[in-house]
Protein backbone atom coordinates (compact mmCIF):
# COMPACT_ATOMS: atom_id res chain seq x y z
CA MET A 1 115.47 135.73 140.71
CA ALA A 2 114.35 136.19 137.12
CA LYS A 3 115.14 133.28 134.87
CA GLY A 4 115.45 135.41 131.77
CA ILE A 5 113.81 134.80 128.41
CA GLN A 6 113.11 131.18 127.67
CA ALA A 7 112.88 130.71 123.91
CA VAL A 8 114.08 128.40 121.16
CA PRO A 9 116.23 129.96 118.39
CA ASN A 10 113.73 128.99 115.68
CA LEU A 11 111.07 126.38 114.87
CA LEU A 12 113.60 123.73 113.92
CA ALA A 13 114.50 123.27 117.58
CA LEU A 14 110.96 121.94 118.13
CA VAL A 15 111.24 119.02 115.70
CA GLY A 16 110.87 115.64 117.43
CA ASP A 17 110.13 114.68 121.04
CA THR A 18 106.44 114.35 120.18
CA PRO A 19 104.09 113.04 122.88
CA LEU A 20 102.61 109.58 123.27
CA VAL A 21 98.84 109.88 123.82
CA GLN A 22 96.72 107.07 125.21
CA LEU A 23 93.75 106.13 123.03
CA ASN A 24 90.51 105.44 124.87
CA LYS A 25 87.10 105.64 123.22
CA ILE A 26 88.14 104.66 119.69
CA VAL A 27 89.58 101.38 121.04
CA ASP A 28 86.82 100.70 123.54
CA GLY A 29 86.38 96.93 123.83
CA PHE A 30 89.83 96.14 122.41
CA GLU A 31 92.16 93.91 124.40
CA GLY A 32 95.39 95.58 125.53
CA ALA A 33 96.45 99.22 125.79
CA TYR A 34 96.76 101.59 122.81
CA PHE A 35 98.79 104.75 122.28
CA ALA A 36 99.23 107.25 119.47
CA LYS A 37 102.60 108.79 118.65
CA TRP A 38 101.18 112.26 117.92
CA GLU A 39 103.40 113.59 115.11
CA ALA A 40 101.17 116.61 114.49
CA TYR A 41 102.96 118.04 117.54
CA ASN A 42 105.96 118.78 115.28
CA PRO A 43 106.14 122.45 114.19
CA GLY A 44 105.25 121.50 110.61
CA HIS A 45 102.40 119.31 111.90
CA SER A 46 103.72 116.00 110.55
CA ASN A 47 106.38 113.32 111.00
CA LYS A 48 108.06 114.56 107.82
CA ASP A 49 109.69 117.40 109.78
CA ARG A 50 112.09 114.77 111.10
CA ILE A 51 113.39 113.67 107.70
CA ALA A 52 113.42 117.17 106.18
CA LEU A 53 115.64 118.52 108.96
CA HIS A 54 117.85 115.43 109.18
CA ILE A 55 118.46 115.11 105.44
CA ILE A 56 119.19 118.80 104.90
CA GLU A 57 121.49 119.09 107.91
CA GLU A 58 123.36 115.92 106.93
CA ALA A 59 123.76 117.28 103.38
CA GLU A 60 125.08 120.53 104.86
CA ARG A 61 127.55 118.59 106.99
CA GLN A 62 128.79 116.74 103.92
CA GLY A 63 129.08 119.96 101.93
CA LEU A 64 126.38 118.92 99.47
CA ILE A 65 124.21 121.96 100.26
CA LYS A 66 125.66 125.45 100.23
CA ASP A 67 124.31 128.99 100.26
CA LYS A 68 121.60 129.94 97.74
CA MET A 69 120.94 126.35 96.67
CA THR A 70 117.52 125.04 95.62
CA ILE A 71 115.93 122.05 97.36
CA ILE A 72 113.87 119.86 95.00
CA GLU A 73 111.60 117.01 96.00
CA THR A 74 108.74 114.69 95.09
CA THR A 75 105.97 114.78 97.68
CA SER A 76 102.35 113.99 98.47
CA GLY A 77 102.37 117.16 100.54
CA ASN A 78 103.75 116.64 104.05
CA THR A 79 107.42 116.20 103.13
CA GLY A 80 107.10 119.19 100.85
CA PHE A 81 105.72 121.38 103.61
CA SER A 82 108.49 120.31 105.99
CA LEU A 83 111.18 120.90 103.35
CA ALA A 84 109.70 124.30 102.51
CA MET A 85 109.70 125.23 106.20
CA VAL A 86 113.29 124.11 106.76
CA SER A 87 114.40 125.75 103.50
CA MET A 88 112.78 129.05 104.39
CA ILE A 89 114.40 129.14 107.83
CA LYS A 90 117.81 128.16 106.45
CA GLY A 91 117.62 130.45 103.41
CA TYR A 92 117.23 127.97 100.54
CA ASP A 93 114.77 128.00 97.63
CA CYS A 94 112.37 125.06 97.36
CA ILE A 95 110.71 123.45 94.32
CA LEU A 96 108.19 120.64 94.77
CA ALA A 97 106.57 118.15 92.40
CA VAL A 98 103.25 117.19 93.97
CA SER A 99 100.71 114.49 93.14
CA SER A 100 97.33 115.79 92.00
CA LYS A 101 95.88 113.45 94.67
CA SER A 102 97.18 115.87 97.30
CA SER A 103 94.47 117.96 98.88
CA GLU A 104 94.01 121.56 97.81
CA ASP A 105 94.73 122.46 101.42
CA LYS A 106 98.21 120.92 101.20
CA ILE A 107 99.00 122.59 97.88
CA ASN A 108 97.96 126.01 99.22
CA MET A 109 100.07 125.44 102.33
CA LEU A 110 103.13 124.64 100.20
CA ARG A 111 102.68 127.84 98.22
CA SER A 112 102.19 129.81 101.41
CA MET A 113 105.54 128.51 102.67
CA GLY A 114 107.26 130.01 99.63
CA ALA A 115 107.69 126.85 97.55
CA LYS A 116 107.29 126.68 93.77
CA VAL A 117 104.78 123.87 93.19
CA TYR A 118 104.28 121.64 90.15
CA VAL A 119 101.08 119.56 90.36
CA CYS A 120 101.44 116.28 88.46
CA PRO A 121 98.78 113.71 87.49
CA ALA A 122 98.46 111.00 90.14
CA ASN A 123 97.21 108.09 88.07
CA VAL A 124 100.17 107.60 85.72
CA LYS A 125 103.00 105.08 85.88
CA ALA A 126 106.09 105.96 87.89
CA ASP A 127 108.22 106.11 84.73
CA ASP A 128 105.77 108.38 82.88
CA PRO A 129 107.45 111.76 82.21
CA ARG A 130 104.41 113.46 83.77
CA SER A 131 104.69 111.56 87.07
CA TYR A 132 105.89 113.55 90.03
CA TYR A 133 108.94 111.30 90.28
CA GLN A 134 110.06 112.12 86.75
CA VAL A 135 109.10 115.79 86.96
CA ALA A 136 111.25 116.23 90.07
CA LYS A 137 114.20 114.56 88.34
CA ARG A 138 113.78 116.82 85.31
CA LEU A 139 113.55 119.95 87.45
CA HIS A 140 116.74 118.93 89.23
CA GLU A 141 118.54 118.50 85.90
CA GLU A 142 117.28 121.87 84.65
CA THR A 143 117.95 123.86 87.85
CA ASN A 144 121.49 125.01 88.46
CA ASN A 145 122.87 124.68 91.99
CA SER A 146 120.09 122.33 93.14
CA ILE A 147 119.86 119.14 95.18
CA TYR A 148 117.19 116.42 94.80
CA ILE A 149 116.16 114.97 98.17
CA ASN A 150 114.64 111.80 96.64
CA GLN A 151 113.05 110.55 99.88
CA TYR A 152 111.89 107.25 98.36
CA PHE A 153 115.45 106.14 97.69
CA ASN A 154 117.34 108.01 100.40
CA GLU A 155 118.67 106.00 103.34
CA LEU A 156 118.72 109.20 105.41
CA ASN A 157 114.91 109.06 105.37
CA THR A 158 115.05 105.80 107.31
CA LEU A 159 117.97 106.91 109.47
CA ALA A 160 116.10 110.00 110.68
CA HIS A 161 113.49 107.78 112.34
CA TYR A 162 116.07 105.27 113.56
CA LYS A 163 117.76 108.11 115.44
CA SER A 164 114.64 109.86 116.74
CA THR A 165 111.21 108.20 116.49
CA GLY A 166 112.40 104.73 117.51
CA PRO A 167 114.31 105.82 120.63
CA GLU A 168 111.48 108.15 121.67
CA ILE A 169 108.88 105.37 121.52
CA TRP A 170 111.15 102.93 123.37
CA GLU A 171 111.73 105.45 126.14
CA GLN A 172 108.11 106.61 126.33
CA THR A 173 106.86 103.02 126.70
CA ASN A 174 109.67 102.09 129.10
CA GLY A 175 110.44 99.25 126.71
CA GLU A 176 106.99 97.69 127.19
CA ILE A 177 105.81 98.15 123.58
CA THR A 178 104.64 94.88 121.99
CA HIS A 179 103.31 96.17 118.64
CA LEU A 180 104.05 99.08 116.31
CA VAL A 181 101.40 99.93 113.70
CA ALA A 182 102.41 102.48 111.07
CA CYS A 183 101.55 103.49 107.54
CA SER A 184 104.05 102.71 104.82
CA GLY A 185 104.56 105.13 101.95
CA THR A 186 108.22 105.88 101.37
CA GLY A 187 108.74 103.44 104.22
CA GLY A 188 111.17 105.64 106.10
CA THR A 189 109.03 106.09 109.20
CA ILE A 190 108.10 102.46 109.77
CA SER A 191 111.51 101.08 108.73
CA GLY A 192 113.70 103.38 110.80
CA THR A 193 111.46 103.15 113.86
CA ALA A 194 111.16 99.37 113.53
CA ARG A 195 114.88 98.86 113.02
CA TYR A 196 115.63 100.59 116.32
CA LEU A 197 112.84 98.84 118.23
CA LYS A 198 113.79 95.40 116.90
CA GLU A 199 117.36 95.97 118.09
CA GLN A 200 116.01 96.52 121.61
CA ASN A 201 113.50 93.66 121.47
CA PRO A 202 113.23 91.44 118.38
CA ASN A 203 109.85 90.16 119.58
CA ILE A 204 108.11 93.48 118.97
CA ARG A 205 105.58 93.01 116.17
CA ILE A 206 105.90 95.55 113.35
CA ILE A 207 102.76 95.94 111.25
CA GLY A 208 102.65 98.08 108.13
CA VAL A 209 99.49 99.67 106.77
CA ASP A 210 99.04 99.62 103.00
CA ALA A 211 96.33 100.83 100.63
CA TYR A 212 94.30 98.88 98.13
CA GLY A 213 95.80 99.91 94.80
CA SER A 214 99.35 99.75 96.19
CA VAL A 215 102.02 97.08 95.61
CA LEU A 216 103.69 97.01 99.04
CA LYS A 217 101.79 94.23 100.84
CA LYS A 218 102.12 91.72 98.01
CA TYR A 219 105.78 92.63 97.47
CA HIS A 220 106.45 91.98 101.15
CA GLU A 221 104.85 88.55 100.85
CA THR A 222 106.23 87.47 97.44
CA GLN A 223 109.22 89.73 96.67
CA GLU A 224 107.53 90.46 93.35
CA LEU A 225 106.13 93.76 92.11
CA ASP A 226 102.75 92.88 90.61
CA PRO A 227 101.45 95.59 88.22
CA LYS A 228 97.97 94.07 88.55
CA GLU A 229 97.89 95.39 92.13
CA ILE A 230 98.11 99.00 90.92
CA TYR A 231 94.97 101.08 90.50
CA PRO A 232 93.88 104.57 91.62
CA TYR A 233 93.12 105.19 95.27
CA ARG A 234 92.48 108.31 97.35
CA ILE A 235 94.56 108.10 100.53
CA GLU A 236 97.55 110.44 100.40
CA GLY A 237 101.00 109.44 101.66
CA LEU A 238 100.14 105.74 101.95
CA GLY A 239 101.17 102.90 99.64
CA LYS A 240 103.15 103.05 96.42
CA ASN A 241 103.18 101.96 92.76
CA LEU A 242 106.92 101.28 93.01
CA ILE A 243 109.25 99.77 95.60
CA PRO A 244 111.12 102.45 97.61
CA THR A 245 114.56 101.42 98.82
CA ALA A 246 113.84 103.47 101.96
CA THR A 247 111.54 100.62 102.98
CA ASP A 248 113.27 97.84 104.93
CA PHE A 249 110.86 94.96 104.40
CA ASP A 250 112.95 92.67 106.61
CA VAL A 251 111.97 94.50 109.80
CA ILE A 252 108.24 94.50 108.99
CA ASP A 253 106.35 91.40 110.17
CA LYS A 254 103.14 91.85 108.18
CA PHE A 255 101.09 94.31 106.17
CA VAL A 256 97.39 95.11 106.45
CA LYS A 257 95.45 96.76 103.64
CA VAL A 258 92.74 99.33 104.30
CA THR A 259 90.19 100.97 102.04
CA ASP A 260 89.85 104.66 101.21
CA GLU A 261 86.30 104.78 102.51
CA GLU A 262 86.84 103.03 105.84
CA SER A 263 90.00 105.06 106.53
CA ALA A 264 88.14 108.33 105.90
CA HIS A 265 85.27 107.43 108.21
CA THR A 266 87.63 106.11 110.88
CA ALA A 267 89.61 109.37 110.80
CA ARG A 268 86.41 111.33 111.38
CA GLU A 269 85.39 108.90 114.12
CA THR A 270 88.77 109.18 115.85
CA THR A 271 88.57 112.97 115.80
CA LYS A 272 85.12 112.93 117.40
CA LYS A 273 85.91 110.28 120.02
CA GLU A 274 89.46 111.24 121.02
CA GLY A 275 89.43 115.01 120.42
CA MET A 276 92.52 114.63 118.25
CA PHE A 277 92.13 116.31 114.85
CA VAL A 278 93.70 113.53 112.83
CA GLY A 279 94.70 113.21 109.18
CA TYR A 280 93.66 110.65 106.56
CA THR A 281 96.58 108.29 107.26
CA CYS A 282 95.84 108.42 110.99
CA GLY A 283 92.41 107.07 110.11
CA ALA A 284 94.11 104.36 108.07
CA VAL A 285 96.21 103.31 111.06
CA VAL A 286 93.22 103.12 113.40
CA GLN A 287 91.25 101.21 110.76
CA ALA A 288 94.13 98.74 110.52
CA MET A 289 94.05 98.30 114.30
CA LYS A 290 90.33 97.55 114.12
CA GLN A 291 90.99 94.85 111.53
CA LEU A 292 93.90 93.45 113.54
CA GLN A 293 91.74 93.32 116.66
CA ALA A 294 89.16 91.30 114.73
CA GLU A 295 91.97 88.94 113.64
CA ASN A 296 93.03 88.44 117.30
CA GLU A 297 96.44 90.02 116.73
CA PHE A 298 96.27 91.63 120.19
CA ASP A 299 95.65 90.24 123.66
CA LYS A 300 95.24 91.66 127.18
CA ASN A 301 99.02 92.08 127.54
CA SER A 302 99.49 94.02 124.29
CA LYS A 303 100.97 97.52 124.40
CA VAL A 304 100.28 98.92 120.95
CA VAL A 305 101.79 102.14 119.57
CA ALA A 306 100.27 103.62 116.42
CA ILE A 307 102.09 106.39 114.60
CA PHE A 308 99.68 109.22 113.76
CA PRO A 309 101.56 111.00 110.94
CA ASP A 310 99.82 114.36 110.55
CA HIS A 311 97.03 116.79 111.36
CA GLY A 312 93.45 116.91 110.13
CA SER A 313 93.71 120.55 109.04
CA ARG A 314 95.36 119.30 105.83
CA TYR A 315 92.20 117.48 104.78
CA MET A 316 89.49 120.10 105.25
CA SER A 317 88.58 119.95 101.56
CA LYS A 318 88.61 116.15 101.60
CA ILE A 319 87.65 113.79 104.43
CA TYR A 320 86.28 116.58 106.64
CA SER A 321 84.13 117.93 103.82
CA ASP A 322 80.70 116.30 103.61
CA ARG A 323 80.55 117.44 100.01
CA TRP A 324 83.77 115.60 99.11
CA MET A 325 82.71 112.50 101.02
CA LYS A 326 79.39 112.50 99.18
CA GLU A 327 81.13 112.92 95.80
CA GLN A 328 83.26 109.85 96.56
CA GLY A 329 80.18 107.81 97.39
CA PHE A 330 81.32 107.39 100.98
CA PHE A 331 77.91 108.00 102.55
CA ASP A 332 75.60 104.98 102.63
CA SER A 333 73.35 103.13 105.07
CA ASP A 334 76.32 102.45 107.36
CA HIS A 335 77.87 105.92 107.16
CA VAL A 336 75.53 108.88 106.92
CA GLU A 337 76.23 112.55 106.36
CA ASP A 338 77.02 114.53 109.50
CA PRO A 339 73.62 115.66 110.88
CA LYS A 340 75.16 118.59 112.72
CA LYS A 341 74.85 121.41 110.24
CA VAL A 342 75.91 125.03 110.55
CA GLU A 343 73.07 127.38 111.33
CA TYR A 344 73.34 131.03 110.39
CA ILE A 345 71.46 133.53 112.55
CA GLN A 346 70.05 136.39 110.50
């Protein structure tokens, strides 16, 4: 008997329930077992689909969002794409203030999804009127019938992962997870996931990945925001020059800092060895695991889950471009330009 048409009503039904993929070659020689939570499996190709859908639907439930409203947000790219996707499907307009550090690929994708995009200088203070934080606030004030998502200071950001990513990882590992390694930007992903996992087993080690040039690691250790820690860096969606309230530092056991260069090369290495086309922050997570392995953080009984936030297609003009890598000075005696060139047959 025919089963009839099997289809989801729209893309939003596909958010979440992403697979756990065992890592093999990139962790060869490591003690323990390693797994990637592959968030590129979301319809918008990143973990930010989870918060975009959760925040908007919760705002709808509370009556904060109504027909013909405009969604406004600050983003390094992924949250913006997810918000634009959800807004388009639900019938809202979307305006995004984006850091100039965001790849051209991400900016073009936002425009393609129907969003109005304002590109703001990356290397200015958070309270500078040109920063993407302040530009988003101004746009919200100037736009009638609008709502500002404000992911950095929105508890719903954290709650989205508490309700979805955390339970998924716990179930997928049958409760055997010993370590979670995740990047920290807004902090919503690592905090919400960690909060749920710690409730199940407080002995699970939660390790945040931070960037050099960001204040998060030192703040976690000292409870002080040190302006001397702030300087320009290249990784998108990782680290911060302010302290987001969406980050629950109490559930994070330690932070590890990674460099722009090593994270870029490790992303390319992961793609080649695992066949997973990973983004810049995925490279940062794997690089952090390499450093943790060298510090003897893991042993033969470790079951390590790394959250891979997004897809490599968003970095074609950056880490997967030999030209960009060369311009950054990322090719040296240890890391050489890709010898496999394209040949054109005349």
